[in-house]
């Protein structure tokens, strides 16, 4: 039995890199949601208890985009596994 160490190292490196990238993108999505909530809370406190508060659409769209990228990466990985 012969092990191709170079191929094993490349596979481990790519797997680690993709994992770190997906976790970082997910963390950016969580950060965007957190910043949106903080901004909305500050607007609520400044406007008063009964005033309507809107905004944060860009942060929400960014968060959804980050989560969509993570979901696409997971689905792609599952498709690679399922096709074997």
C-alpha atoms as a PDB file:
ATOM      1  CA  UNK A   1       0.000   0.000   0.000  1.00  0.00           C
ATOM      2  CA  UNK A   2       1.365   3.366  -1.007  1.00  0.00           C
ATOM      3  CA  UNK A   3       0.126   6.623   0.518  1.00  0.00           C
ATOM      4  CA  UNK A   4       0.340   9.772  -1.573  1.00  0.00           C
ATOM      5  CA  UNK A   5       1.383  12.164   1.184  1.00  0.00           C
ATOM      6  CA  UNK A   6       1.322  15.197  -1.077  1.00  0.00           C
ATOM      7  CA  UNK A   7      -2.306  14.583  -2.065  1.00  0.00           C
ATOM      8  CA  UNK A   8      -3.240  13.949   1.559  1.00  0.00           C
ATOM      9  CA  UNK A   9      -1.628  17.218   2.652  1.00  0.00           C
ATOM     10  CA  UNK A  10      -3.350  19.139  -0.152  1.00  0.00           C
ATOM     11  CA  UNK A  11      -6.731  17.700   0.774  1.00  0.00           C
ATOM     12  CA  UNK A  12      -6.236  18.512   4.450  1.00  0.00           C
ATOM     13  CA  UNK A  13      -5.102  22.041   3.625  1.00  0.00           C
ATOM     14  CA  UNK A  14      -8.019  22.785   1.326  1.00  0.00           C
ATOM     15  CA  UNK A  15     -10.486  21.299   3.823  1.00  0.00           C
ATOM     16  CA  UNK A  16      -9.070  23.442   6.613  1.00  0.00           C
ATOM     17  CA  UNK A  17      -9.124  26.563   4.460  1.00  0.00           C
ATOM     18  CA  UNK A  18     -12.731  26.069   3.355  1.00  0.00           C
ATOM     19  CA  UNK A  19     -13.788  25.369   6.932  1.00  0.00           C
ATOM     20  CA  UNK A  20     -12.173  28.564   8.188  1.00  0.00           C
ATOM     21  CA  UNK A  21     -13.744  30.546   5.333  1.00  0.00           C
ATOM     22  CA  UNK A  22     -17.261  29.222   5.997  1.00  0.00           C
ATOM     23  CA  UNK A  23     -16.964  29.910   9.723  1.00  0.00           C
ATOM     24  CA  UNK A  24     -15.677  33.440   9.030  1.00  0.00           C
ATOM     25  CA  UNK A  25     -18.536  34.195   6.628  1.00  0.00           C
ATOM     26  CA  UNK A  26     -21.074  32.846   9.139  1.00  0.00           C
ATOM     27  CA  UNK A  27     -19.515  35.023  11.857  1.00  0.00           C
ATOM     28  CA  UNK A  28     -19.833  38.054   9.560  1.00  0.00           C
ATOM     29  CA  UNK A  29     -23.525  37.262   9.141  1.00  0.00           C
ATOM     30  CA  UNK A  30     -24.007  37.070  12.902  1.00  0.00           C
ATOM     31  CA  UNK A  31     -22.095  40.344  13.293  1.00  0.00           C
ATOM     32  CA  UNK A  32     -24.322  42.056  10.729  1.00  0.00           C
ATOM     33  CA  UNK A  33     -27.449  40.919  12.578  1.00  0.00           C
ATOM     34  CA  UNK A  34     -25.997  42.073  15.881  1.00  0.00           C
ATOM     35  CA  UNK A  35     -25.095  45.510  14.518  1.00  0.00           C
ATOM     36  CA  UNK A  36     -28.567  45.849  13.013  1.00  0.00           C
ATOM     37  CA  UNK A  37     -30.229  45.059  16.327  1.00  0.00           C
ATOM     38  CA  UNK A  38     -27.973  47.511  18.164  1.00  0.00           C
ATOM     39  CA  UNK A  39     -28.806  50.271  15.657  1.00  0.00           C
ATOM     40  CA  UNK A  40     -32.537  49.585  15.892  1.00  0.00           C
ATOM     41  CA  UNK A  41     -32.385  49.603  19.681  1.00  0.00           C
ATOM     42  CA  UNK A  42     -30.593  52.937  19.671  1.00  0.00           C
ATOM     43  CA  UNK A  43     -33.183  54.374  17.292  1.00  0.00           C
ATOM     44  CA  UNK A  44     -36.018  53.103  19.486  1.00  0.00           C
ATOM     45  CA  UNK A  45     -34.513  54.727  22.562  1.00  0.00           C
ATOM     46  CA  UNK A  46     -33.987  58.038  20.724  1.00  0.00           C
ATOM     47  CA  UNK A  47     -37.444  58.113  19.083  1.00  0.00           C
ATOM     48  CA  UNK A  48     -39.512  57.117  22.085  1.00  0.00           C
ATOM     49  CA  UNK A  49     -41.476  54.021  23.046  1.00  0.00           C
ATOM     50  CA  UNK A  50     -44.401  54.419  20.614  1.00  0.00           C
ATOM     51  CA  UNK A  51     -42.573  55.695  17.523  1.00  0.00           C
ATOM     52  CA  UNK A  52     -42.188  53.331  14.562  1.00  0.00           C
ATOM     53  CA  UNK A  53     -38.587  52.399  13.853  1.00  0.00           C
ATOM     54  CA  UNK A  54     -37.350  51.135  10.498  1.00  0.00           C
ATOM     55  CA  UNK A  55     -33.976  50.658   8.920  1.00  0.00           C
ATOM     56  CA  UNK A  56     -31.102  48.260   8.902  1.00  0.00           C
ATOM     57  CA  UNK A  57     -32.062  46.757   5.567  1.00  0.00           C
ATOM     58  CA  UNK A  58     -28.508  46.774   4.256  1.00  0.00           C
ATOM     59  CA  UNK A  59     -27.199  44.919   7.309  1.00  0.00           C
ATOM     60  CA  UNK A  60     -30.046  42.429   7.057  1.00  0.00           C
ATOM     61  CA  UNK A  61     -29.365  41.861   3.362  1.00  0.00           C
ATOM     62  CA  UNK A  62     -25.668  41.370   4.103  1.00  0.00           C
ATOM     63  CA  UNK A  63     -26.474  38.852   6.820  1.00  0.00           C
ATOM     64  CA  UNK A  64     -28.789  36.939   4.498  1.00  0.00           C
ATOM     65  CA  UNK A  65     -26.098  36.936   1.808  1.00  0.00           C
ATOM     66  CA  UNK A  66     -23.544  35.535   4.262  1.00  0.00           C
ATOM     67  CA  UNK A  67     -25.923  32.805   5.374  1.00  0.00           C
ATOM     68  CA  UNK A  68     -26.741  31.986   1.747  1.00  0.00           C
ATOM     69  CA  UNK A  69     -23.032  31.571   0.967  1.00  0.00           C
ATOM     70  CA  UNK A  70     -22.661  29.232   3.950  1.00  0.00           C
ATOM     71  CA  UNK A  71     -25.699  27.220   2.895  1.00  0.00           C
ATOM     72  CA  UNK A  72     -24.404  26.966  -0.663  1.00  0.00           C
ATOM     73  CA  UNK A  73     -21.043  25.703   0.585  1.00  0.00           C
ATOM     74  CA  UNK A  74     -22.739  23.069   2.734  1.00  0.00           C
ATOM     75  CA  UNK A  75     -25.003  21.937  -0.100  1.00  0.00           C
ATOM     76  CA  UNK A  76     -22.054  21.747  -2.483  1.00  0.00           C
ATOM     77  CA  UNK A  77     -20.141  19.596   0.007  1.00  0.00           C
ATOM     78  CA  UNK A  78     -23.133  17.316   0.437  1.00  0.00           C
ATOM     79  CA  UNK A  79     -23.494  16.996  -3.319  1.00  0.00           C
ATOM     80  CA  UNK A  80     -19.853  15.975  -3.583  1.00  0.00           C
ATOM     81  CA  UNK A  81     -20.377  13.298  -0.958  1.00  0.00           C
ATOM     82  CA  UNK A  82     -23.669  12.048  -2.407  1.00  0.00           C
ATOM     83  CA  UNK A  83     -22.340  11.684  -5.954  1.00  0.00           C
ATOM     84  CA  UNK A  84     -19.569   9.289  -4.950  1.00  0.00           C
END
